[in-house]
Amino acid sequence: FGYYVAMPQNSNVTLNWTLDADGGLNQLFTEVTDGGL
C-alpha cells in the first residue's frame, strides 16, 4: 500500500504536506487510511 504517494505527479501535494509542523505525517496518514488528499 502507498506506492502512488511518492509518484512524481503527486509530489506537488506531498511536498506541501512536509511544510506542516509535523512534517506532513498527519496528512500522509490521512491519505493512507482514508484518501481524499
PDB file of all heavy atoms in Angstrom:
ATOM      1  N   PHE A   1       0.831  -1.201   0.000  1.00  0.00           N
ATOM      2  CA  PHE A   1       0.000   0.000   0.000  1.00  0.00           C
ATOM      3  C   PHE A   1       0.864   1.249   0.000  1.00  0.00           C
ATOM      4  O   PHE A   1       1.942   1.265   0.581  1.00  0.00           O
ATOM      5  CB  PHE A   1      -0.965   0.016   1.193  1.00  0.00           C
ATOM      6  CG  PHE A   1      -0.307   0.075   2.540  1.00  0.00           C
ATOM      7  CD1 PHE A   1      -0.023   1.300   3.143  1.00  0.00           C
ATOM      8  CD2 PHE A   1       0.027  -1.084   3.223  1.00  0.00           C
ATOM      9  CE1 PHE A   1       0.577   1.364   4.398  1.00  0.00           C
ATOM     10  CE2 PHE A   1       0.625  -1.036   4.475  1.00  0.00           C
ATOM     11  CZ  PHE A   1       0.897   0.191   5.066  1.00  0.00           C
ATOM     12  N   GLY A   2       0.399   2.278  -0.697  1.00  0.00           N
ATOM     13  CA  GLY A   2       1.003   3.597  -0.640  1.00  0.00           C
ATOM     14  C   GLY A   2       1.935   4.002  -1.761  1.00  0.00           C
ATOM     15  O   GLY A   2       2.440   5.123  -1.759  1.00  0.00           O
ATOM     16  N   TYR A   3       2.173   3.146  -2.730  1.00  0.00           N
ATOM     17  CA  TYR A   3       3.151   3.453  -3.775  1.00  0.00           C
ATOM     18  C   TYR A   3       2.872   4.789  -4.465  1.00  0.00           C
ATOM     19  O   TYR A   3       3.785   5.571  -4.711  1.00  0.00           O
ATOM     20  CB  TYR A   3       3.189   2.320  -4.800  1.00  0.00           C
ATOM     21  CG  TYR A   3       4.147   2.560  -5.941  1.00  0.00           C
ATOM     22  CD1 TYR A   3       5.520   2.393  -5.762  1.00  0.00           C
ATOM     23  CD2 TYR A   3       3.704   2.974  -7.189  1.00  0.00           C
ATOM     24  CE1 TYR A   3       6.420   2.618  -6.792  1.00  0.00           C
ATOM     25  CE2 TYR A   3       4.592   3.198  -8.224  1.00  0.00           C
ATOM     26  CZ  TYR A   3       5.942   3.021  -8.021  1.00  0.00           C
ATOM     27  OH  TYR A   3       6.827   3.254  -9.040  1.00  0.00           O
ATOM     28  N   TYR A   4       1.636   5.054  -4.766  1.00  0.00           N
ATOM     29  CA  TYR A   4       1.296   6.243  -5.548  1.00  0.00           C
ATOM     30  C   TYR A   4       1.650   7.545  -4.842  1.00  0.00           C
ATOM     31  O   TYR A   4       1.826   8.581  -5.485  1.00  0.00           O
ATOM     32  CB  TYR A   4      -0.190   6.242  -5.921  1.00  0.00           C
ATOM     33  CG  TYR A   4      -1.122   6.457  -4.748  1.00  0.00           C
ATOM     34  CD1 TYR A   4      -1.496   7.737  -4.363  1.00  0.00           C
ATOM     35  CD2 TYR A   4      -1.631   5.387  -4.020  1.00  0.00           C
ATOM     36  CE1 TYR A   4      -2.345   7.947  -3.287  1.00  0.00           C
ATOM     37  CE2 TYR A   4      -2.475   5.577  -2.956  1.00  0.00           C
ATOM     38  CZ  TYR A   4      -2.831   6.860  -2.589  1.00  0.00           C
ATOM     39  OH  TYR A   4      -3.664   7.062  -1.517  1.00  0.00           O
ATOM     40  N   VAL A   5       1.778   7.518  -3.522  1.00  0.00           N
ATOM     41  CA  VAL A   5       2.045   8.747  -2.771  1.00  0.00           C
ATOM     42  C   VAL A   5       3.352   9.400  -3.226  1.00  0.00           C
ATOM     43  O   VAL A   5       3.467  10.623  -3.266  1.00  0.00           O
ATOM     44  CB  VAL A   5       2.059   8.458  -1.252  1.00  0.00           C
ATOM     45  CG1 VAL A   5       2.437   9.703  -0.470  1.00  0.00           C
ATOM     46  CG2 VAL A   5       0.694   7.946  -0.802  1.00  0.00           C
ATOM     47  N   ALA A   6       4.344   8.600  -3.593  1.00  0.00           N
ATOM     48  CA  ALA A   6       5.651   9.141  -3.982  1.00  0.00           C
ATOM     49  C   ALA A   6       5.800   9.369  -5.478  1.00  0.00           C
ATOM     50  O   ALA A   6       6.854   9.805  -5.924  1.00  0.00           O
ATOM     51  CB  ALA A   6       6.749   8.184  -3.514  1.00  0.00           C
ATOM     52  N   MET A   7       4.778   9.099  -6.243  1.00  0.00           N
ATOM     53  CA  MET A   7       4.908   9.269  -7.689  1.00  0.00           C
ATOM     54  C   MET A   7       5.082  10.753  -8.027  1.00  0.00           C
ATOM     55  O   MET A   7       4.489  11.614  -7.384  1.00  0.00           O
ATOM     56  CB  MET A   7       3.712   8.654  -8.399  1.00  0.00           C
ATOM     57  CG  MET A   7       3.675   7.142  -8.209  1.00  0.00           C
ATOM     58  SD  MET A   7       2.248   6.363  -8.968  1.00  0.00           S
ATOM     59  CE  MET A   7       2.776   6.364 -10.657  1.00  0.00           C
ATOM     60  N   PRO A   8       5.910  11.054  -9.025  1.00  0.00           N
ATOM     61  CA  PRO A   8       6.214  12.456  -9.356  1.00  0.00           C
ATOM     62  C   PRO A   8       4.981  13.324  -9.581  1.00  0.00           C
ATOM     63  O   PRO A   8       4.982  14.504  -9.196  1.00  0.00           O
ATOM     64  CB  PRO A   8       7.053  12.339 -10.633  1.00  0.00           C
ATOM     65  CG  PRO A   8       7.677  11.001 -10.553  1.00  0.00           C
ATOM     66  CD  PRO A   8       6.662  10.121  -9.868  1.00  0.00           C
ATOM     67  N   GLN A   9       3.943  12.771 -10.177  1.00  0.00           N
ATOM     68  CA  GLN A   9       2.755  13.592 -10.437  1.00  0.00           C
ATOM     69  C   GLN A   9       2.038  14.005  -9.142  1.00  0.00           C
ATOM     70  O   GLN A   9       1.194  14.887  -9.172  1.00  0.00           O
ATOM     71  CB  GLN A   9       1.776  12.883 -11.381  1.00  0.00           C
ATOM     72  CG  GLN A   9       1.176  11.609 -10.841  1.00  0.00           C
ATOM     73  CD  GLN A   9       1.922  10.370 -11.246  1.00  0.00           C
ATOM     74  OE1 GLN A   9       3.136  10.393 -11.417  1.00  0.00           O
ATOM     75  NE2 GLN A   9       1.205   9.270 -11.403  1.00  0.00           N
ATOM     76  N   ASN A  10       2.406  13.385  -8.012  1.00  0.00           N
ATOM     77  CA  ASN A  10       1.783  13.747  -6.737  1.00  0.00           C
ATOM     78  C   ASN A  10       2.709  14.552  -5.829  1.00  0.00           C
ATOM     79  O   ASN A  10       2.321  14.931  -4.731  1.00  0.00           O
ATOM     80  CB  ASN A  10       1.323  12.479  -6.011  1.00  0.00           C
ATOM     81  CG  ASN A  10       0.265  11.751  -6.800  1.00  0.00           C
ATOM     82  OD1 ASN A  10      -0.574  12.368  -7.446  1.00  0.00           O
ATOM     83  ND2 ASN A  10       0.310  10.439  -6.784  1.00  0.00           N
ATOM     84  N   SER A  11       3.920  14.823  -6.299  1.00  0.00           N
ATOM     85  CA  SER A  11       4.896  15.478  -5.427  1.00  0.00           C
ATOM     86  C   SER A  11       4.499  16.907  -5.055  1.00  0.00           C
ATOM     87  O   SER A  11       4.858  17.386  -3.975  1.00  0.00           O
ATOM     88  CB  SER A  11       6.294  15.449  -6.040  1.00  0.00           C
ATOM     89  OG  SER A  11       6.332  16.205  -7.232  1.00  0.00           O
ATOM     90  N   ASN A  12       3.746  17.583  -5.903  1.00  0.00           N
ATOM     91  CA  ASN A  12       3.309  18.931  -5.537  1.00  0.00           C
ATOM     92  C   ASN A  12       2.422  18.887  -4.294  1.00  0.00           C
ATOM     93  O   ASN A  12       2.484  19.769  -3.444  1.00  0.00           O
ATOM     94  CB  ASN A  12       2.602  19.634  -6.694  1.00  0.00           C
ATOM     95  CG  ASN A  12       1.361  18.886  -7.159  1.00  0.00           C
ATOM     96  OD1 ASN A  12       1.293  17.656  -7.086  1.00  0.00           O
ATOM     97  ND2 ASN A  12       0.377  19.615  -7.645  1.00  0.00           N
ATOM     98  N   VAL A  13       1.612  17.839  -4.168  1.00  0.00           N
ATOM     99  CA  VAL A  13       0.746  17.690  -2.995  1.00  0.00           C
ATOM    100  C   VAL A  13       1.567  17.273  -1.784  1.00  0.00           C
ATOM    101  O   VAL A  13       1.484  17.881  -0.715  1.00  0.00           O
ATOM    102  CB  VAL A  13      -0.368  16.644  -3.267  1.00  0.00           C
ATOM    103  CG1 VAL A  13      -1.177  16.367  -2.010  1.00  0.00           C
ATOM    104  CG2 VAL A  13      -1.268  17.108  -4.399  1.00  0.00           C
ATOM    105  N   THR A  14       2.385  16.231  -1.949  1.00  0.00           N
ATOM    106  CA  THR A  14       3.113  15.691  -0.803  1.00  0.00           C
ATOM    107  C   THR A  14       4.184  16.656  -0.293  1.00  0.00           C
ATOM    108  O   THR A  14       4.442  16.702   0.910  1.00  0.00           O
ATOM    109  CB  THR A  14       3.727  14.315  -1.130  1.00  0.00           C
ATOM    110  OG1 THR A  14       4.523  14.405  -2.314  1.00  0.00           O
ATOM    111  CG2 THR A  14       2.644  13.281  -1.342  1.00  0.00           C
ATOM    112  N   LEU A  15       4.798  17.420  -1.187  1.00  0.00           N
ATOM    113  CA  LEU A  15       5.764  18.425  -0.725  1.00  0.00           C
ATOM    114  C   LEU A  15       5.087  19.476   0.148  1.00  0.00           C
ATOM    115  O   LEU A  15       5.669  19.940   1.138  1.00  0.00           O
ATOM    116  CB  LEU A  15       6.450  19.097  -1.915  1.00  0.00           C
ATOM    117  CG  LEU A  15       7.702  18.414  -2.431  1.00  0.00           C
ATOM    118  CD1 LEU A  15       8.179  19.064  -3.725  1.00  0.00           C
ATOM    119  CD2 LEU A  15       8.815  18.413  -1.394  1.00  0.00           C
ATOM    120  N   ASN A  16       3.869  19.846  -0.189  1.00  0.00           N
ATOM    121  CA  ASN A  16       3.134  20.806   0.642  1.00  0.00           C
ATOM    122  C   ASN A  16       2.869  20.241   2.032  1.00  0.00           C
ATOM    123  O   ASN A  16       2.878  20.985   3.018  1.00  0.00           O
ATOM    124  CB  ASN A  16       1.829  21.224  -0.027  1.00  0.00           C
ATOM    125  CG  ASN A  16       2.053  22.248  -1.114  1.00  0.00           C
ATOM    126  OD1 ASN A  16       3.020  23.009  -1.081  1.00  0.00           O
ATOM    127  ND2 ASN A  16       1.175  22.264  -2.096  1.00  0.00           N
ATOM    128  N   TRP A  17       2.635  18.936   2.120  1.00  0.00           N
ATOM    129  CA  TRP A  17       2.410  18.326   3.432  1.00  0.00           C
ATOM    130  C   TRP A  17       3.623  18.528   4.334  1.00  0.00           C
ATOM    131  O   TRP A  17       3.487  18.723   5.529  1.00  0.00           O
ATOM    132  CB  TRP A  17       2.154  16.829   3.320  1.00  0.00           C
ATOM    133  CG  TRP A  17       0.934  16.421   2.569  1.00  0.00           C
ATOM    134  CD1 TRP A  17      -0.111  17.215   2.167  1.00  0.00           C
ATOM    135  CD2 TRP A  17       0.632  15.104   2.126  1.00  0.00           C
ATOM    136  NE1 TRP A  17      -1.033  16.466   1.495  1.00  0.00           N
ATOM    137  CE2 TRP A  17      -0.609  15.164   1.465  1.00  0.00           C
ATOM    138  CE3 TRP A  17       1.287  13.885   2.221  1.00  0.00           C
ATOM    139  CZ2 TRP A  17      -1.209  14.045   0.897  1.00  0.00           C
ATOM    140  CZ3 TRP A  17       0.690  12.753   1.670  1.00  0.00           C
ATOM    141  CH2 TRP A  17      -0.545  12.841   1.015  1.00  0.00           C
ATOM    142  N   THR A  18       4.816  18.435   3.754  1.00  0.00           N
ATOM    143  CA  THR A  18       6.039  18.494   4.562  1.00  0.00           C
ATOM    144  C   THR A  18       6.235  19.862   5.214  1.00  0.00           C
ATOM    145  O   THR A  18       7.067  19.996   6.117  1.00  0.00           O
ATOM    146  CB  THR A  18       7.289  18.140   3.724  1.00  0.00           C
ATOM    147  OG1 THR A  18       7.512  19.146   2.733  1.00  0.00           O
ATOM    148  CG2 THR A  18       7.159  16.773   3.084  1.00  0.00           C
ATOM    149  N   LEU A  19       5.496  20.867   4.781  1.00  0.00           N
ATOM    150  CA  LEU A  19       5.602  22.201   5.369  1.00  0.00           C
ATOM    151  C   LEU A  19       4.840  22.307   6.690  1.00  0.00           C
ATOM    152  O   LEU A  19       5.033  23.266   7.433  1.00  0.00           O
ATOM    153  CB  LEU A  19       5.084  23.249   4.386  1.00  0.00           C
ATOM    154  CG  LEU A  19       5.808  23.296   3.032  1.00  0.00           C
ATOM    155  CD1 LEU A  19       5.136  24.296   2.108  1.00  0.00           C
ATOM    156  CD2 LEU A  19       7.282  23.615   3.221  1.00  0.00           C
ATOM    157  N   ASP A  20       3.998  21.326   6.995  1.00  0.00           N
ATOM    158  CA  ASP A  20       3.254  21.329   8.255  1.00  0.00           C
ATOM    159  C   ASP A  20       4.207  21.142   9.428  1.00  0.00           C
ATOM    160  O   ASP A  20       5.306  20.603   9.282  1.00  0.00           O
ATOM    161  CB  ASP A  20       2.212  20.208   8.272  1.00  0.00           C
ATOM    162  CG  ASP A  20       1.088  20.444   7.270  1.00  0.00           C
ATOM    163  OD1 ASP A  20       1.012  21.542   6.692  1.00  0.00           O
ATOM    164  OD2 ASP A  20       0.289  19.508   7.074  1.00  0.00           O
ATOM    165  N   ALA A  21       3.763  21.551  10.596  1.00  0.00           N
ATOM    166  CA  ALA A  21       4.597  21.466  11.798  1.00  0.00           C
ATOM    167  C   ALA A  21       5.048  20.032  12.094  1.00  0.00           C
ATOM    168  O   ALA A  21       6.139  19.824  12.635  1.00  0.00           O
ATOM    169  CB  ALA A  21       3.837  22.032  13.001  1.00  0.00           C
ATOM    170  N   ASP A  22       4.229  19.042  11.720  1.00  0.00           N
ATOM    171  CA  ASP A  22       4.593  17.638  11.985  1.00  0.00           C
ATOM    172  C   ASP A  22       5.341  16.998  10.818  1.00  0.00           C
ATOM    173  O   ASP A  22       5.533  15.786  10.785  1.00  0.00           O
ATOM    174  CB  ASP A  22       3.356  16.820  12.327  1.00  0.00           C
ATOM    175  CG  ASP A  22       2.433  16.613  11.138  1.00  0.00           C
ATOM    176  OD1 ASP A  22       2.611  17.285  10.085  1.00  0.00           O
ATOM    177  OD2 ASP A  22       1.531  15.764  11.236  1.00  0.00           O
ATOM    178  N   GLY A  23       5.767  17.833   9.859  1.00  0.00           N
ATOM    179  CA  GLY A  23       6.498  17.311   8.700  1.00  0.00           C
ATOM    180  C   GLY A  23       5.626  16.597   7.693  1.00  0.00           C
ATOM    181  O   GLY A  23       6.132  15.943   6.789  1.00  0.00           O
ATOM    182  N   GLY A  24       4.314  16.713   7.843  1.00  0.00           N
ATOM    183  CA  GLY A  24       3.388  16.107   6.893  1.00  0.00           C
ATOM    184  C   GLY A  24       2.784  14.785   7.326  1.00  0.00           C
ATOM    185  O   GLY A  24       1.992  14.190   6.591  1.00  0.00           O
ATOM    186  N   LEU A  25       3.129  14.318   8.516  1.00  0.00           N
ATOM    187  CA  LEU A  25       2.680  12.990   8.941  1.00  0.00           C
ATOM    188  C   LEU A  25       1.167  12.855   9.045  1.00  0.00           C
ATOM    189  O   LEU A  25       0.600  11.836   8.626  1.00  0.00           O
ATOM    190  CB  LEU A  25       3.332  12.595  10.262  1.00  0.00           C
ATOM    191  CG  LEU A  25       4.813  12.280  10.185  1.00  0.00           C
ATOM    192  CD1 LEU A  25       5.366  11.975  11.579  1.00  0.00           C
ATOM    193  CD2 LEU A  25       5.075  11.126   9.236  1.00  0.00           C
ATOM    194  N   ASN A  26       0.496  13.852   9.610  1.00  0.00           N
ATOM    195  CA  ASN A  26      -0.960  13.733   9.747  1.00  0.00           C
ATOM    196  C   ASN A  26      -1.643  13.619   8.391  1.00  0.00           C
ATOM    197  O   ASN A  26      -2.534  12.783   8.208  1.00  0.00           O
ATOM    198  CB  ASN A  26      -1.534  14.906  10.538  1.00  0.00           C
ATOM    199  CG  ASN A  26      -1.245  14.784  12.017  1.00  0.00           C
ATOM    200  OD1 ASN A  26      -1.043  13.683  12.538  1.00  0.00           O
ATOM    201  ND2 ASN A  26      -1.191  15.914  12.703  1.00  0.00           N
ATOM    202  N   GLN A  27      -1.225  14.447   7.448  1.00  0.00           N
ATOM    203  CA  GLN A  27      -1.840  14.376   6.125  1.00  0.00           C
ATOM    204  C   GLN A  27      -1.473  13.077   5.411  1.00  0.00           C
ATOM    205  O   GLN A  27      -2.309  12.472   4.733  1.00  0.00           O
ATOM    206  CB  GLN A  27      -1.444  15.590   5.291  1.00  0.00           C
ATOM    207  CG  GLN A  27      -2.064  16.870   5.855  1.00  0.00           C
ATOM    208  CD  GLN A  27      -2.000  18.009   4.884  1.00  0.00           C
ATOM    209  OE1 GLN A  27      -2.751  18.010   3.908  1.00  0.00           O
ATOM    210  NE2 GLN A  27      -1.125  18.965   5.146  1.00  0.00           N
ATOM    211  N   LEU A  28      -0.235  12.620   5.580  1.00  0.00           N
ATOM    212  CA  LEU A  28       0.167  11.347   4.980  1.00  0.00           C
ATOM    213  C   LEU A  28      -0.686  10.204   5.517  1.00  0.00           C
ATOM    214  O   LEU A  28      -1.214   9.401   4.732  1.00  0.00           O
ATOM    215  CB  LEU A  28       1.647  11.078   5.258  1.00  0.00           C
ATOM    216  CG  LEU A  28       2.161   9.704   4.806  1.00  0.00           C
ATOM    217  CD1 LEU A  28       2.091   9.557   3.290  1.00  0.00           C
ATOM    218  CD2 LEU A  28       3.582   9.492   5.303  1.00  0.00           C
ATOM    219  N   PHE A  29      -0.843  10.130   6.820  1.00  0.00           N
ATOM    220  CA  PHE A  29      -1.641   9.038   7.382  1.00  0.00           C
ATOM    221  C   PHE A  29      -3.122   9.166   7.022  1.00  0.00           C
ATOM    222  O   PHE A  29      -3.807   8.162   6.852  1.00  0.00           O
ATOM    223  CB  PHE A  29      -1.435   8.928   8.896  1.00  0.00           C
ATOM    224  CG  PHE A  29      -0.181   8.167   9.247  1.00  0.00           C
ATOM    225  CD1 PHE A  29       0.941   8.825   9.713  1.00  0.00           C
ATOM    226  CD2 PHE A  29      -0.120   6.790   9.083  1.00  0.00           C
ATOM    227  CE1 PHE A  29       2.099   8.132  10.011  1.00  0.00           C
ATOM    228  CE2 PHE A  29       1.028   6.079   9.379  1.00  0.00           C
ATOM    229  CZ  PHE A  29       2.150   6.750   9.845  1.00  0.00           C
ATOM    230  N   THR A  30      -3.608  10.395   6.879  1.00  0.00           N
ATOM    231  CA  THR A  30      -4.987  10.573   6.406  1.00  0.00           C
ATOM    232  C   THR A  30      -5.140  10.019   5.001  1.00  0.00           C
ATOM    233  O   THR A  30      -6.098   9.302   4.703  1.00  0.00           O
ATOM    234  CB  THR A  30      -5.399  12.060   6.449  1.00  0.00           C
ATOM    235  OG1 THR A  30      -5.390  12.498   7.812  1.00  0.00           O
ATOM    236  CG2 THR A  30      -6.774  12.278   5.835  1.00  0.00           C
ATOM    237  N   GLU A  31      -4.192  10.325   4.129  1.00  0.00           N
ATOM    238  CA  GLU A  31      -4.251   9.811   2.758  1.00  0.00           C
ATOM    239  C   GLU A  31      -4.160   8.287   2.752  1.00  0.00           C
ATOM    240  O   GLU A  31      -4.899   7.615   2.036  1.00  0.00           O
ATOM    241  CB  GLU A  31      -3.137  10.405   1.902  1.00  0.00           C
ATOM    242  CG  GLU A  31      -3.089   9.877   0.474  1.00  0.00           C
ATOM    243  CD  GLU A  31      -4.366  10.119  -0.311  1.00  0.00           C
ATOM    244  OE1 GLU A  31      -5.034  11.158  -0.108  1.00  0.00           O
ATOM    245  OE2 GLU A  31      -4.704   9.264  -1.156  1.00  0.00           O
ATOM    246  N   VAL A  32      -3.262   7.741   3.534  1.00  0.00           N
ATOM    247  CA  VAL A  32      -3.095   6.284   3.566  1.00  0.00           C
ATOM    248  C   VAL A  32      -4.369   5.599   4.058  1.00  0.00           C
ATOM    249  O   VAL A  32      -4.833   4.634   3.462  1.00  0.00           O
ATOM    250  CB  VAL A  32      -1.882   5.891   4.440  1.00  0.00           C
ATOM    251  CG1 VAL A  32      -1.877   4.397   4.748  1.00  0.00           C
ATOM    252  CG2 VAL A  32      -0.579   6.283   3.739  1.00  0.00           C
ATOM    253  N   THR A  33      -4.943   6.086   5.139  1.00  0.00           N
ATOM    254  CA  THR A  33      -6.086   5.387   5.737  1.00  0.00           C
ATOM    255  C   THR A  33      -7.431   5.737   5.115  1.00  0.00           C
ATOM    256  O   THR A  33      -8.293   4.865   5.013  1.00  0.00           O
ATOM    257  CB  THR A  33      -6.157   5.655   7.253  1.00  0.00           C
ATOM    258  OG1 THR A  33      -6.264   7.061   7.487  1.00  0.00           O
ATOM    259  CG2 THR A  33      -4.931   5.101   7.955  1.00  0.00           C
ATOM    260  N   ASP A  34      -7.607   6.988   4.685  1.00  0.00           N
ATOM    261  CA  ASP A  34      -8.924   7.427   4.222  1.00  0.00           C
ATOM    262  C   ASP A  34      -8.954   7.992   2.811  1.00  0.00           C
ATOM    263  O   ASP A  34     -10.017   8.096   2.218  1.00  0.00           O
ATOM    264  CB  ASP A  34      -9.482   8.498   5.169  1.00  0.00           C
ATOM    265  CG  ASP A  34      -9.580   8.008   6.595  1.00  0.00           C
ATOM    266  OD1 ASP A  34      -9.987   6.850   6.803  1.00  0.00           O
ATOM    267  OD2 ASP A  34      -9.218   8.772   7.512  1.00  0.00           O
ATOM    268  N   GLY A  35      -7.806   8.427   2.302  1.00  0.00           N
ATOM    269  CA  GLY A  35      -7.764   9.044   0.984  1.00  0.00           C
ATOM    270  C   GLY A  35      -8.334  10.445   0.999  1.00  0.00           C
ATOM    271  O   GLY A  35      -8.590  11.035   2.040  1.00  0.00           O
ATOM    272  N   GLY A  36      -8.512  10.983  -0.196  1.00  0.00           N
ATOM    273  CA  GLY A  36      -9.137  12.284  -0.351  1.00  0.00           C
ATOM    274  C   GLY A  36      -8.189  13.465  -0.469  1.00  0.00           C
ATOM    275  O   GLY A  36      -8.635  14.574  -0.744  1.00  0.00           O
ATOM    276  N   LEU A  37      -6.891  13.245  -0.275  1.00  0.00           N
ATOM    277  CA  LEU A  37      -5.952  14.366  -0.340  1.00  0.00           C
ATOM    278  C   LEU A  37      -5.161  14.401  -1.637  1.00  0.00           C
ATOM    279  O   LEU A  37      -4.639  15.446  -2.007  1.00  0.00           O
ATOM    280  CB  LEU A  37      -4.986  14.318   0.854  1.00  0.00           C
ATOM    281  CG  LEU A  37      -5.638  14.372   2.235  1.00  0.00           C
ATOM    282  CD1 LEU A  37      -4.581  14.318   3.324  1.00  0.00           C
ATOM    283  CD2 LEU A  37      -6.504  15.613   2.380  1.00  0.00           C
TER     284      LEU A  37
END
